[in-house]
Amino acid sequence: KAILRRAEEAGAKKGLEKLEFGDLILDFRKLEARKSGKLLDLTPREFRILKLFAERPREVIRREEFLDTVWTESNVTARSVDNEIFKIRKEIEADPARPRYIVSIRSVGYKFVPDGESS
């Protein structure tokens, strides 16, 4: 937990470069994500979503905020966010039907739990 706290503090101070959460590694400089050493196939938008999550661990992020900060198009809906989260979960979660990292907050949005504990 101390390592995670220091990583979060460092990210807040100088901008995120690389974070590790168990077997999940996010390298924001290279725009690469790896799980158990395997390079994940993420789109730039999916990577921007993960970066927003990593910048604000354990904080609930509303769907509208994702639309305002991640999307550049104007004709998207909250359902667009849900679809992108679904795709990210398929890549990073061991069991996407029972997510550990990206937790749904019903009728509001999502939160990222970097240690994979439901909290």
PDB file of N, CA and C in Angstrom:
ATOM      1  N   LYS A   1       0.817  -1.190   0.000  1.00  0.00           N
ATOM      2  CA  LYS A   1       0.000   0.000   0.000  1.00  0.00           C
ATOM      3  C   LYS A   1       0.865   1.259   0.000  1.00  0.00           C
ATOM      4  N   ALA A   2       2.004   1.191   0.682  1.00  0.00           N
ATOM      5  CA  ALA A   2       2.904   2.347   0.707  1.00  0.00           C
ATOM      6  C   ALA A   2       3.461   2.616  -0.684  1.00  0.00           C
ATOM      7  N   ILE A   3       3.805   1.575  -1.421  1.00  0.00           N
ATOM      8  CA  ILE A   3       4.322   1.738  -2.779  1.00  0.00           C
ATOM      9  C   ILE A   3       3.257   2.369  -3.665  1.00  0.00           C
ATOM     10  N   LEU A   4       2.017   1.890  -3.548  1.00  0.00           N
ATOM     11  CA  LEU A   4       0.924   2.443  -4.330  1.00  0.00           C
ATOM     12  C   LEU A   4       0.721   3.913  -3.983  1.00  0.00           C
ATOM     13  N   ARG A   5       0.746   4.245  -2.691  1.00  0.00           N
ATOM     14  CA  ARG A   5       0.570   5.630  -2.256  1.00  0.00           C
ATOM     15  C   ARG A   5       1.659   6.518  -2.852  1.00  0.00           C
ATOM     16  N   ARG A   6       2.917   6.047  -2.808  1.00  0.00           N
ATOM     17  CA  ARG A   6       4.010   6.848  -3.364  1.00  0.00           C
ATOM     18  C   ARG A   6       3.861   7.014  -4.874  1.00  0.00           C
ATOM     19  N   ALA A   7       3.415   5.959  -5.546  1.00  0.00           N
ATOM     20  CA  ALA A   7       3.205   6.050  -6.997  1.00  0.00           C
ATOM     21  C   ALA A   7       2.104   7.065  -7.303  1.00  0.00           C
ATOM     22  N   GLU A   8       1.034   7.050  -6.508  1.00  0.00           N
ATOM     23  CA  GLU A   8      -0.051   7.999  -6.709  1.00  0.00           C
ATOM     24  C   GLU A   8       0.428   9.427  -6.467  1.00  0.00           C
ATOM     25  N   GLU A   9       1.212   9.636  -5.402  1.00  0.00           N
ATOM     26  CA  GLU A   9       1.728  10.967  -5.100  1.00  0.00           C
ATOM     27  C   GLU A   9       2.676  11.446  -6.192  1.00  0.00           C
ATOM     28  N   ALA A  10       3.534  10.575  -6.669  1.00  0.00           N
ATOM     29  CA  ALA A  10       4.473  10.947  -7.738  1.00  0.00           C
ATOM     30  C   ALA A  10       3.705  11.294  -8.999  1.00  0.00           C
ATOM     31  N   GLY A  11       2.682  10.521  -9.325  1.00  0.00           N
ATOM     32  CA  GLY A  11       1.864  10.803 -10.502  1.00  0.00           C
ATOM     33  C   GLY A  11       1.180  12.145 -10.403  1.00  0.00           C
ATOM     34  N   ALA A  12       0.712  12.479  -9.229  1.00  0.00           N
ATOM     35  CA  ALA A  12       0.034  13.761  -9.038  1.00  0.00           C
ATOM     36  C   ALA A  12       1.012  14.919  -9.172  1.00  0.00           C
ATOM     37  N   LYS A  13       2.270  14.723  -8.784  1.00  0.00           N
ATOM     38  CA  LYS A  13       3.255  15.801  -8.809  1.00  0.00           C
ATOM     39  C   LYS A  13       3.792  16.092 -10.193  1.00  0.00           C
ATOM     40  N   LYS A  14       4.116  15.057 -10.963  1.00  0.00           N
ATOM     41  CA  LYS A  14       4.813  15.323 -12.215  1.00  0.00           C
ATOM     42  C   LYS A  14       4.136  14.738 -13.441  1.00  0.00           C
ATOM     43  N   GLY A  15       2.945  14.284 -13.310  1.00  0.00           N
ATOM     44  CA  GLY A  15       2.279  13.658 -14.444  1.00  0.00           C
ATOM     45  C   GLY A  15       2.660  12.189 -14.485  1.00  0.00           C
ATOM     46  N   LEU A  16       1.710  11.381 -14.815  1.00  0.00           N
ATOM     47  CA  LEU A  16       1.941   9.943 -14.799  1.00  0.00           C
ATOM     48  C   LEU A  16       2.824   9.512 -15.955  1.00  0.00           C
ATOM     49  N   GLU A  17       3.757   8.638 -15.650  1.00  0.00           N
ATOM     50  CA  GLU A  17       4.594   8.057 -16.694  1.00  0.00           C
ATOM     51  C   GLU A  17       4.397   6.549 -16.766  1.00  0.00           C
ATOM     52  N   LYS A  18       4.507   5.879 -15.614  1.00  0.00           N
ATOM     53  CA  LYS A  18       4.377   4.431 -15.600  1.00  0.00           C
ATOM     54  C   LYS A  18       3.870   4.004 -14.229  1.00  0.00           C
ATOM     55  N   LEU A  19       2.858   3.155 -14.230  1.00  0.00           N
ATOM     56  CA  LEU A  19       2.316   2.637 -12.984  1.00  0.00           C
ATOM     57  C   LEU A  19       2.161   1.131 -13.073  1.00  0.00           C
ATOM     58  N   GLU A  20       2.357   0.468 -11.948  1.00  0.00           N
ATOM     59  CA  GLU A  20       2.196  -0.980 -11.882  1.00  0.00           C
ATOM     60  C   GLU A  20       1.188  -1.315 -10.804  1.00  0.00           C
ATOM     61  N   PHE A  21       0.225  -2.135 -11.162  1.00  0.00           N
ATOM     62  CA  PHE A  21      -0.792  -2.603 -10.234  1.00  0.00           C
ATOM     63  C   PHE A  21      -0.828  -4.125 -10.333  1.00  0.00           C
ATOM     64  N   GLY A  22      -0.075  -4.795  -9.476  1.00  0.00           N
ATOM     65  CA  GLY A  22       0.000  -6.253  -9.568  1.00  0.00           C
ATOM     66  C   GLY A  22       0.599  -6.643 -10.902  1.00  0.00           C
ATOM     67  N   ASP A  23      -0.143  -7.447 -11.679  1.00  0.00           N
ATOM     68  CA  ASP A  23       0.366  -7.889 -12.982  1.00  0.00           C
ATOM     69  C   ASP A  23      -0.013  -6.943 -14.117  1.00  0.00           C
ATOM     70  N   LEU A  24      -0.616  -5.800 -13.793  1.00  0.00           N
ATOM     71  CA  LEU A  24      -1.009  -4.809 -14.780  1.00  0.00           C
ATOM     72  C   LEU A  24      -0.010  -3.648 -14.753  1.00  0.00           C
ATOM     73  N   ILE A  25       0.607  -3.380 -15.910  1.00  0.00           N
ATOM     74  CA  ILE A  25       1.583  -2.287 -16.033  1.00  0.00           C
ATOM     75  C   ILE A  25       1.081  -1.310 -17.085  1.00  0.00           C
ATOM     76  N   LEU A  26       0.991  -0.039 -16.701  1.00  0.00           N
ATOM     77  CA  LEU A  26       0.559   1.020 -17.618  1.00  0.00           C
ATOM     78  C   LEU A  26       1.724   1.967 -17.841  1.00  0.00           C
ATOM     79  N   ASP A  27       2.201   2.038 -19.073  1.00  0.00           N
ATOM     80  CA  ASP A  27       3.294   2.937 -19.427  1.00  0.00           C
ATOM     81  C   ASP A  27       2.707   4.049 -20.293  1.00  0.00           C
ATOM     82  N   PHE A  28       2.515   5.225 -19.685  1.00  0.00           N
ATOM     83  CA  PHE A  28       1.849   6.319 -20.371  1.00  0.00           C
ATOM     84  C   PHE A  28       2.753   7.045 -21.356  1.00  0.00           C
ATOM     85  N   ARG A  29       4.064   6.941 -21.185  1.00  0.00           N
ATOM     86  CA  ARG A  29       4.985   7.544 -22.157  1.00  0.00           C
ATOM     87  C   ARG A  29       4.948   6.770 -23.469  1.00  0.00           C
ATOM     88  N   LYS A  30       4.970   5.448 -23.365  1.00  0.00           N
ATOM     89  CA  LYS A  30       4.991   4.594 -24.558  1.00  0.00           C
ATOM     90  C   LYS A  30       3.592   4.242 -25.059  1.00  0.00           C
ATOM     91  N   LEU A  31       2.570   4.607 -24.292  1.00  0.00           N
ATOM     92  CA  LEU A  31       1.198   4.198 -24.592  1.00  0.00           C
ATOM     93  C   LEU A  31       1.101   2.682 -24.724  1.00  0.00           C
ATOM     94  N   GLU A  32       1.662   2.005 -23.728  1.00  0.00           N
ATOM     95  CA  GLU A  32       1.617   0.547 -23.688  1.00  0.00           C
ATOM     96  C   GLU A  32       1.021   0.083 -22.368  1.00  0.00           C
ATOM     97  N   ALA A  33       0.268  -0.975 -22.466  1.00  0.00           N
ATOM     98  CA  ALA A  33      -0.261  -1.622 -21.270  1.00  0.00           C
ATOM     99  C   ALA A  33       0.061  -3.106 -21.384  1.00  0.00           C
ATOM    100  N   ARG A  34       0.480  -3.691 -20.262  1.00  0.00           N
ATOM    101  CA  ARG A  34       0.808  -5.113 -20.230  1.00  0.00           C
ATOM    102  C   ARG A  34       0.116  -5.764 -19.047  1.00  0.00           C
ATOM    103  N   LYS A  35      -0.313  -6.991 -19.270  1.00  0.00           N
ATOM    104  CA  LYS A  35      -0.883  -7.787 -18.193  1.00  0.00           C
ATOM    105  C   LYS A  35      -0.168  -9.121 -18.212  1.00  0.00           C
ATOM    106  N   SER A  36       0.435  -9.450 -17.090  1.00  0.00           N
ATOM    107  CA  SER A  36       1.225 -10.679 -16.987  1.00  0.00           C
ATOM    108  C   SER A  36       2.269 -10.749 -18.097  1.00  0.00           C
ATOM    109  N   GLY A  37       2.852  -9.593 -18.445  1.00  0.00           N
ATOM    110  CA  GLY A  37       3.893  -9.532 -19.460  1.00  0.00           C
ATOM    111  C   GLY A  37       3.379  -9.443 -20.887  1.00  0.00           C
ATOM    112  N   LYS A  38       2.090  -9.691 -21.098  1.00  0.00           N
ATOM    113  CA  LYS A  38       1.518  -9.682 -22.446  1.00  0.00           C
ATOM    114  C   LYS A  38       1.057  -8.277 -22.805  1.00  0.00           C
ATOM    115  N   LEU A  39       1.490  -7.793 -23.979  1.00  0.00           N
ATOM    116  CA  LEU A  39       1.092  -6.486 -24.470  1.00  0.00           C
ATOM    117  C   LEU A  39      -0.398  -6.505 -24.794  1.00  0.00           C
ATOM    118  N   LEU A  40      -1.128  -5.543 -24.252  1.00  0.00           N
ATOM    119  CA  LEU A  40      -2.565  -5.465 -24.484  1.00  0.00           C
ATOM    120  C   LEU A  40      -2.852  -4.631 -25.717  1.00  0.00           C
ATOM    121  N   ASP A  41      -3.920  -4.977 -26.397  1.00  0.00           N
ATOM    122  CA  ASP A  41      -4.326  -4.273 -27.604  1.00  0.00           C
ATOM    123  C   ASP A  41      -5.364  -3.217 -27.231  1.00  0.00           C
ATOM    124  N   LEU A  42      -4.889  -2.016 -26.875  1.00  0.00           N
ATOM    125  CA  LEU A  42      -5.771  -0.933 -26.465  1.00  0.00           C
ATOM    126  C   LEU A  42      -5.747   0.199 -27.492  1.00  0.00           C
ATOM    127  N   THR A  43      -6.893   0.796 -27.703  1.00  0.00           N
ATOM    128  CA  THR A  43      -6.971   1.957 -28.588  1.00  0.00           C
ATOM    129  C   THR A  43      -6.491   3.185 -27.823  1.00  0.00           C
ATOM    130  N   PRO A  44      -6.151   4.263 -28.523  1.00  0.00           N
ATOM    131  CA  PRO A  44      -5.765   5.488 -27.818  1.00  0.00           C
ATOM    132  C   PRO A  44      -6.847   5.970 -26.843  1.00  0.00           C
ATOM    133  N   ARG A  45      -8.113   5.856 -27.225  1.00  0.00           N
ATOM    134  CA  ARG A  45      -9.194   6.277 -26.331  1.00  0.00           C
ATOM    135  C   ARG A  45      -9.234   5.408 -25.078  1.00  0.00           C
ATOM    136  N   GLU A  46      -9.079   4.107 -25.231  1.00  0.00           N
ATOM    137  CA  GLU A  46      -9.072   3.208 -24.068  1.00  0.00           C
ATOM    138  C   GLU A  46      -7.899   3.552 -23.151  1.00  0.00           C
ATOM    139  N   PHE A  47      -6.792   3.903 -23.748  1.00  0.00           N
ATOM    140  CA  PHE A  47      -5.627   4.273 -22.941  1.00  0.00           C
ATOM    141  C   PHE A  47      -5.886   5.580 -22.187  1.00  0.00           C
ATOM    142  N   ARG A  48      -6.553   6.539 -22.826  1.00  0.00           N
ATOM    143  CA  ARG A  48      -6.892   7.797 -22.147  1.00  0.00           C
ATOM    144  C   ARG A  48      -7.847   7.541 -20.977  1.00  0.00           C
ATOM    145  N   ILE A  49      -8.759   6.604 -21.143  1.00  0.00           N
ATOM    146  CA  ILE A  49      -9.668   6.239 -20.054  1.00  0.00           C
ATOM    147  C   ILE A  49      -8.874   5.644 -18.904  1.00  0.00           C
ATOM    148  N   LEU A  50      -7.970   4.725 -19.208  1.00  0.00           N
ATOM    149  CA  LEU A  50      -7.146   4.129 -18.151  1.00  0.00           C
ATOM    150  C   LEU A  50      -6.299   5.185 -17.445  1.00  0.00           C
ATOM    151  N   LYS A  51      -5.791   6.139 -18.198  1.00  0.00           N
ATOM    152  CA  LYS A  51      -4.983   7.185 -17.575  1.00  0.00           C
ATOM    153  C   LYS A  51      -5.829   8.025 -16.629  1.00  0.00           C
ATOM    154  N   LEU A  52      -7.049   8.354 -17.034  1.00  0.00           N
ATOM    155  CA  LEU A  52      -7.937   9.104 -16.155  1.00  0.00           C
ATOM    156  C   LEU A  52      -8.206   8.317 -14.874  1.00  0.00           C
ATOM    157  N   PHE A  53      -8.445   7.028 -15.013  1.00  0.00           N
ATOM    158  CA  PHE A  53      -8.629   6.172 -13.838  1.00  0.00           C
ATOM    159  C   PHE A  53      -7.393   6.198 -12.944  1.00  0.00           C
ATOM    160  N   ALA A  54      -6.218   6.036 -13.552  1.00  0.00           N
ATOM    161  CA  ALA A  54      -4.976   5.961 -12.776  1.00  0.00           C
ATOM    162  C   ALA A  54      -4.673   7.272 -12.068  1.00  0.00           C
ATOM    163  N   GLU A  55      -5.081   8.384 -12.669  1.00  0.00           N
ATOM    164  CA  GLU A  55      -4.866   9.686 -12.038  1.00  0.00           C
ATOM    165  C   GLU A  55      -5.770   9.889 -10.825  1.00  0.00           C
ATOM    166  N   ARG A  56      -6.871   9.131 -10.782  1.00  0.00           N
ATOM    167  CA  ARG A  56      -7.847   9.326  -9.712  1.00  0.00           C
ATOM    168  C   ARG A  56      -8.306   7.983  -9.136  1.00  0.00           C
ATOM    169  N   PRO A  57      -7.377   7.214  -8.573  1.00  0.00           N
ATOM    170  CA  PRO A  57      -7.734   5.897  -8.049  1.00  0.00           C
ATOM    171  C   PRO A  57      -8.766   5.999  -6.929  1.00  0.00           C
ATOM    172  N   ARG A  58      -9.652   5.031  -6.932  1.00  0.00           N
ATOM    173  CA  ARG A  58     -10.704   4.892  -5.917  1.00  0.00           C
ATOM    174  C   ARG A  58     -11.732   6.022  -5.917  1.00  0.00           C
ATOM    175  N   GLU A  59     -11.646   6.911  -6.887  1.00  0.00           N
ATOM    176  CA  GLU A  59     -12.600   8.017  -6.981  1.00  0.00           C
ATOM    177  C   GLU A  59     -13.646   7.671  -8.038  1.00  0.00           C
ATOM    178  N   VAL A  60     -14.906   7.912  -7.724  1.00  0.00           N
ATOM    179  CA  VAL A  60     -15.971   7.661  -8.691  1.00  0.00           C
ATOM    180  C   VAL A  60     -15.898   8.727  -9.784  1.00  0.00           C
ATOM    181  N   ILE A  61     -15.872   8.250 -11.026  1.00  0.00           N
ATOM    182  CA  ILE A  61     -15.847   9.163 -12.173  1.00  0.00           C
ATOM    183  C   ILE A  61     -17.153   8.977 -12.933  1.00  0.00           C
ATOM    184  N   ARG A  62     -17.883  10.051 -13.071  1.00  0.00           N
ATOM    185  CA  ARG A  62     -19.187  10.005 -13.745  1.00  0.00           C
ATOM    186  C   ARG A  62     -19.015   9.814 -15.250  1.00  0.00           C
ATOM    187  N   ARG A  63     -19.993   9.167 -15.850  1.00  0.00           N
ATOM    188  CA  ARG A  63     -19.958   8.954 -17.298  1.00  0.00           C
ATOM    189  C   ARG A  63     -19.799  10.279 -18.048  1.00  0.00           C
ATOM    190  N   GLU A  64     -20.502  11.313 -17.592  1.00  0.00           N
ATOM    191  CA  GLU A  64     -20.438  12.615 -18.254  1.00  0.00           C
ATOM    192  C   GLU A  64     -19.018  13.179 -18.248  1.00  0.00           C
ATOM    193  N   GLU A  65     -18.277  12.907 -17.183  1.00  0.00           N
ATOM    194  CA  GLU A  65     -16.904  13.395 -17.121  1.00  0.00           C
ATOM    195  C   GLU A  65     -16.016  12.693 -18.142  1.00  0.00           C
ATOM    196  N   PHE A  66     -16.238  11.384 -18.318  1.00  0.00           N
ATOM    197  CA  PHE A  66     -15.499  10.676 -19.363  1.00  0.00           C
ATOM    198  C   PHE A  66     -15.802  11.308 -20.717  1.00  0.00           C
ATOM    199  N   LEU A  67     -17.072  11.589 -20.979  1.00  0.00           N
ATOM    200  CA  LEU A  67     -17.455  12.187 -22.261  1.00  0.00           C
ATOM    201  C   LEU A  67     -16.792  13.544 -22.453  1.00  0.00           C
ATOM    202  N   ASP A  68     -16.709  14.334 -21.389  1.00  0.00           N
ATOM    203  CA  ASP A  68     -16.112  15.670 -21.480  1.00  0.00           C
ATOM    204  C   ASP A  68     -14.597  15.650 -21.633  1.00  0.00           C
ATOM    205  N   THR A  69     -13.933  14.657 -21.028  1.00  0.00           N
ATOM    206  CA  THR A  69     -12.462  14.673 -21.007  1.00  0.00           C
ATOM    207  C   THR A  69     -11.803  13.723 -22.003  1.00  0.00           C
ATOM    208  N   VAL A  70     -12.493  12.672 -22.399  1.00  0.00           N
ATOM    209  CA  VAL A  70     -11.865  11.647 -23.241  1.00  0.00           C
ATOM    210  C   VAL A  70     -12.329  11.722 -24.691  1.00  0.00           C
ATOM    211  N   TRP A  71     -13.585  12.027 -24.905  1.00  0.00           N
ATOM    212  CA  TRP A  71     -14.126  12.046 -26.263  1.00  0.00           C
ATOM    213  C   TRP A  71     -13.954  13.418 -26.895  1.00  0.00           C
ATOM    214  N   THR A  72     -13.673  13.425 -28.187  1.00  0.00           N
ATOM    215  CA  THR A  72     -13.582  14.681 -28.918  1.00  0.00           C
ATOM    216  C   THR A  72     -14.827  14.898 -29.772  1.00  0.00           C
ATOM    217  N   GLU A  73     -15.561  13.833 -30.039  1.00  0.00           N
ATOM    218  CA  GLU A  73     -16.777  13.939 -30.834  1.00  0.00           C
ATOM    219  C   GLU A  73     -17.911  14.477 -29.963  1.00  0.00           C
ATOM    220  N   SER A  74     -18.907  15.067 -30.609  1.00  0.00           N
ATOM    221  CA  SER A  74     -20.018  15.630 -29.843  1.00  0.00           C
ATOM    222  C   SER A  74     -21.253  14.737 -29.846  1.00  0.00           C
ATOM    223  N   ASN A  75     -21.312  13.767 -30.730  1.00  0.00           N
ATOM    224  CA  ASN A  75     -22.512  12.942 -30.857  1.00  0.00           C
ATOM    225  C   ASN A  75     -22.385  11.602 -30.115  1.00  0.00           C
ATOM    226  N   VAL A  76     -21.850  11.610 -28.923  1.00  0.00           N
ATOM    227  CA  VAL A  76     -21.699  10.379 -28.159  1.00  0.00           C
ATOM    228  C   VAL A  76     -22.602  10.434 -26.929  1.00  0.00           C
ATOM    229  N   THR A  77     -22.877   9.250 -26.384  1.00  0.00           N
ATOM    230  CA  THR A  77     -23.771   9.155 -25.233  1.00  0.00           C
ATOM    231  C   THR A  77     -23.078   8.413 -24.097  1.00  0.00           C
ATOM    232  N   ALA A  78     -23.745   8.372 -22.974  1.00  0.00           N
ATOM    233  CA  ALA A  78     -23.214   7.642 -21.819  1.00  0.00           C
ATOM    234  C   ALA A  78     -23.007   6.171 -22.177  1.00  0.00           C
ATOM    235  N   ARG A  79     -23.788   5.660 -23.074  1.00  0.00           N
ATOM    236  CA  ARG A  79     -23.634   4.262 -23.505  1.00  0.00           C
ATOM    237  C   ARG A  79     -22.279   4.052 -24.184  1.00  0.00           C
ATOM    238  N   SER A  80     -21.755   5.075 -24.823  1.00  0.00           N
ATOM    239  CA  SER A  80     -20.427   4.987 -25.443  1.00  0.00           C
ATOM    240  C   SER A  80     -19.370   4.701 -24.381  1.00  0.00           C
ATOM    241  N   VAL A  81     -19.502   5.331 -23.225  1.00  0.00           N
ATOM    242  CA  VAL A  81     -18.571   5.095 -22.120  1.00  0.00           C
ATOM    243  C   VAL A  81     -18.667   3.637 -21.685  1.00  0.00           C
ATOM    244  N   ASP A  82     -19.892   3.156 -21.500  1.00  0.00           N
ATOM    245  CA  ASP A  82     -20.090   1.768 -21.071  1.00  0.00           C
ATOM    246  C   ASP A  82     -19.449   0.783 -22.043  1.00  0.00           C
ATOM    247  N   ASN A  83     -19.577   1.048 -23.335  1.00  0.00           N
ATOM    248  CA  ASN A  83     -18.980   0.162 -24.345  1.00  0.00           C
ATOM    249  C   ASN A  83     -17.458   0.141 -24.251  1.00  0.00           C
ATOM    250  N   GLU A  84     -16.854   1.307 -24.055  1.00  0.00           N
ATOM    251  CA  GLU A  84     -15.395   1.368 -23.939  1.00  0.00           C
ATOM    252  C   GLU A  84     -14.917   0.659 -22.668  1.00  0.00           C
ATOM    253  N   ILE A  85     -15.622   0.856 -21.567  1.00  0.00           N
ATOM    254  CA  ILE A  85     -15.265   0.192 -20.308  1.00  0.00           C
ATOM    255  C   ILE A  85     -15.365  -1.316 -20.485  1.00  0.00           C
ATOM    256  N   PHE A  86     -16.405  -1.775 -21.172  1.00  0.00           N
ATOM    257  CA  PHE A  86     -16.570  -3.206 -21.439  1.00  0.00           C
ATOM    258  C   PHE A  86     -15.349  -3.754 -22.177  1.00  0.00           C
ATOM    259  N   LYS A  87     -14.872  -3.024 -23.190  1.00  0.00           N
ATOM    260  CA  LYS A  87     -13.708  -3.479 -23.968  1.00  0.00           C
ATOM    261  C   LYS A  87     -12.435  -3.484 -23.116  1.00  0.00           C
ATOM    262  N   ILE A  88     -12.269  -2.452 -22.285  1.00  0.00           N
ATOM    263  CA  ILE A  88     -11.088  -2.396 -21.417  1.00  0.00           C
ATOM    264  C   ILE A  88     -11.103  -3.557 -20.429  1.00  0.00           C
ATOM    265  N   ARG A  89     -12.260  -3.827 -19.856  1.00  0.00           N
ATOM    266  CA  ARG A  89     -12.367  -4.942 -18.899  1.00  0.00           C
ATOM    267  C   ARG A  89     -11.976  -6.263 -19.541  1.00  0.00           C
ATOM    268  N   LYS A  90     -12.352  -6.462 -20.805  1.00  0.00           N
ATOM    269  CA  LYS A  90     -11.981  -7.703 -21.500  1.00  0.00           C
ATOM    270  C   LYS A  90     -10.468  -7.853 -21.579  1.00  0.00           C
ATOM    271  N   GLU A  91      -9.759  -6.739 -21.635  1.00  0.00           N
ATOM    272  CA  GLU A  91      -8.299  -6.777 -21.742  1.00  0.00           C
ATOM    273  C   GLU A  91      -7.610  -6.921 -20.383  1.00  0.00           C
ATOM    274  N   ILE A  92      -8.081  -6.192 -19.364  1.00  0.00           N
ATOM    275  CA  ILE A  92      -7.313  -6.133 -18.117  1.00  0.00           C
ATOM    276  C   ILE A  92      -7.828  -7.014 -16.989  1.00  0.00           C
ATOM    277  N   GLU A  93      -9.077  -7.427 -17.047  1.00  0.00           N
ATOM    278  CA  GLU A  93      -9.651  -8.202 -15.950  1.00  0.00           C
ATOM    279  C   GLU A  93      -9.458  -9.696 -16.191  1.00  0.00           C
ATOM    280  N   ALA A  94      -9.189 -10.433 -15.118  1.00  0.00           N
ATOM    281  CA  ALA A  94      -9.108 -11.892 -15.212  1.00  0.00           C
ATOM    282  C   ALA A  94     -10.481 -12.454 -15.560  1.00  0.00           C
ATOM    283  N   ASP A  95     -11.526 -11.902 -14.956  1.00  0.00           N
ATOM    284  CA  ASP A  95     -12.903 -12.300 -15.227  1.00  0.00           C
ATOM    285  C   ASP A  95     -13.711 -11.022 -15.450  1.00  0.00           C
ATOM    286  N   PRO A  96     -13.888 -10.599 -16.702  1.00  0.00           N
ATOM    287  CA  PRO A  96     -14.586  -9.343 -16.975  1.00  0.00           C
ATOM    288  C   PRO A  96     -16.005  -9.281 -16.403  1.00  0.00           C
ATOM    289  N   ALA A  97     -16.641 -10.423 -16.218  1.00  0.00           N
ATOM    290  CA  ALA A  97     -17.993 -10.441 -15.651  1.00  0.00           C
ATOM    291  C   ALA A  97     -17.974 -10.122 -14.154  1.00  0.00           C
ATOM    292  N   ARG A  98     -16.815 -10.296 -13.526  1.00  0.00           N
ATOM    293  CA  ARG A  98     -16.636  -9.983 -12.101  1.00  0.00           C
ATOM    294  C   ARG A  98     -15.393  -9.118 -11.948  1.00  0.00           C
ATOM    295  N   PRO A  99     -15.490  -7.863 -12.390  1.00  0.00           N
ATOM    296  CA  PRO A  99     -14.299  -6.995 -12.425  1.00  0.00           C
ATOM    297  C   PRO A  99     -13.740  -6.680 -11.049  1.00  0.00           C
ATOM    298  N   ARG A 100     -12.416  -6.626 -10.997  1.00  0.00           N
ATOM    299  CA  ARG A 100     -11.703  -6.258  -9.770  1.00  0.00           C
ATOM    300  C   ARG A 100     -11.133  -4.851  -9.853  1.00  0.00           C
ATOM    301  N   TYR A 101     -10.685  -4.458 -11.042  1.00  0.00           N
ATOM    302  CA  TYR A 101     -10.030  -3.162 -11.199  1.00  0.00           C
ATOM    303  C   TYR A 101     -11.008  -2.027 -11.517  1.00  0.00           C
ATOM    304  N   ILE A 102     -11.915  -2.256 -12.445  1.00  0.00           N
ATOM    305  CA  ILE A 102     -12.869  -1.215 -12.840  1.00  0.00           C
ATOM    306  C   ILE A 102     -14.244  -1.616 -12.319  1.00  0.00           C
ATOM    307  N   VAL A 103     -14.684  -0.896 -11.310  1.00  0.00           N
ATOM    308  CA  VAL A 103     -15.915  -1.232 -10.608  1.00  0.00           C
ATOM    309  C   VAL A 103     -17.029  -0.284 -11.050  1.00  0.00           C
ATOM    310  N   SER A 104     -18.192  -0.843 -11.357  1.00  0.00           N
ATOM    311  CA  SER A 104     -19.351  -0.032 -11.728  1.00  0.00           C
ATOM    312  C   SER A 104     -19.991   0.564 -10.489  1.00  0.00           C
ATOM    313  N   ILE A 105     -20.366   1.822 -10.603  1.00  0.00           N
ATOM    314  CA  ILE A 105     -21.145   2.489  -9.577  1.00  0.00           C
ATOM    315  C   ILE A 105     -22.493   2.771 -10.234  1.00  0.00           C
ATOM    316  N   ARG A 106     -23.459   1.989  -9.869  1.00  0.00           N
ATOM    317  CA  ARG A 106     -24.747   1.974 -10.555  1.00  0.00           C
ATOM    318  C   ARG A 106     -25.352   3.372 -10.720  1.00  0.00           C
ATOM    319  N   SER A 107     -25.779   3.642 -11.943  1.00  0.00           N
ATOM    320  CA  SER A 107     -26.437   4.897 -12.339  1.00  0.00           C
ATOM    321  C   SER A 107     -25.542   6.128 -12.240  1.00  0.00           C
ATOM    322  N   VAL A 108     -24.251   5.940 -11.967  1.00  0.00           N
ATOM    323  CA  VAL A 108     -23.358   7.090 -11.819  1.00  0.00           C
ATOM    324  C   VAL A 108     -22.185   6.995 -12.783  1.00  0.00           C
ATOM    325  N   GLY A 109     -21.349   5.966 -12.633  1.00  0.00           N
ATOM    326  CA  GLY A 109     -20.146   5.833 -13.448  1.00  0.00           C
ATOM    327  C   GLY A 109     -19.311   4.666 -12.982  1.00  0.00           C
ATOM    328  N   TYR A 110     -18.001   4.908 -12.856  1.00  0.00           N
ATOM    329  CA  TYR A 110     -17.057   3.840 -12.531  1.00  0.00           C
ATOM    330  C   TYR A 110     -15.980   4.360 -11.604  1.00  0.00           C
ATOM    331  N   LYS A 111     -15.322   3.418 -10.928  1.00  0.00           N
ATOM    332  CA  LYS A 111     -14.117   3.784 -10.185  1.00  0.00           C
ATOM    333  C   LYS A 111     -13.069   2.711 -10.420  1.00  0.00           C
ATOM    334  N   PHE A 112     -11.814   3.137 -10.338  1.00  0.00           N
ATOM    335  CA  PHE A 112     -10.669   2.259 -10.544  1.00  0.00           C
ATOM    336  C   PHE A 112     -10.101   1.893  -9.184  1.00  0.00           C
ATOM    337  N   VAL A 113     -10.013   0.592  -8.919  1.00  0.00           N
ATOM    338  CA  VAL A 113      -9.481   0.090  -7.667  1.00  0.00           C
ATOM    339  C   VAL A 113      -8.142  -0.590  -8.005  1.00  0.00           C
ATOM    340  N   PRO A 114      -7.027   0.150  -7.899  1.00  0.00           N
ATOM    341  CA  PRO A 114      -5.745  -0.343  -8.402  1.00  0.00           C
ATOM    342  C   PRO A 114      -5.233  -1.604  -7.731  1.00  0.00           C
ATOM    343  N   ASP A 115      -5.593  -1.830  -6.476  1.00  0.00           N
ATOM    344  CA  ASP A 115      -5.100  -3.034  -5.812  1.00  0.00           C
ATOM    345  C   ASP A 115      -6.018  -4.226  -6.059  1.00  0.00           C
ATOM    346  N   GLY A 116      -7.061  -4.031  -6.830  1.00  0.00           N
ATOM    347  CA  GLY A 116      -7.953  -5.119  -7.191  1.00  0.00           C
ATOM    348  C   GLY A 116      -8.856  -5.561  -6.060  1.00  0.00           C
ATOM    349  N   GLU A 117      -8.935  -4.795  -4.991  1.00  0.00           N
ATOM    350  CA  GLU A 117      -9.830  -5.125  -3.886  1.00  0.00           C
ATOM    351  C   GLU A 117     -11.121  -4.384  -4.075  1.00  0.00           C
ATOM    352  N   SER A 118     -12.251  -5.042  -3.853  1.00  0.00           N
ATOM    353  CA  SER A 118     -13.516  -4.321  -3.956  1.00  0.00           C
ATOM    354  C   SER A 118     -13.675  -3.427  -2.746  1.00  0.00           C
ATOM    355  N   SER A 119     -13.570  -2.134  -3.007  1.00  0.00           N
ATOM    356  CA  SER A 119     -13.748  -1.175  -1.917  1.00  0.00           C
ATOM    357  C   SER A 119     -14.462   0.047  -2.427  1.00  0.00           C
TER     358      SER A 119
END
